[in-house]
Amino acid sequence: MTSPSRPAARPCPICRKPRSDAHAPFCSTRCKDRDLVRWFSDSYAVPGRPADPEDLDRALDASRD
């Protein structure tokens, strides 16, 4: 009986080296930190329309009630 084939592990999304279980889905703390810096510097964006400041104010007011 053959065992089911396991898909190849995906590489680190930053440097393309093999992933580390300790830092998944990255290979190291360095790549993990580089990814975090990209989020902080707005290098990544979530698709969608820009937020309307008035909608944000209404949502904030509603959450306080």
Foldseek 3Di string as FASTA:
>chain_A
DDDDDDDDQFAAPQPRHRPDPVQPPYNDVVSVVVVVVCVVVVVDDDDDDDDDVVVVVVVVVVVVD
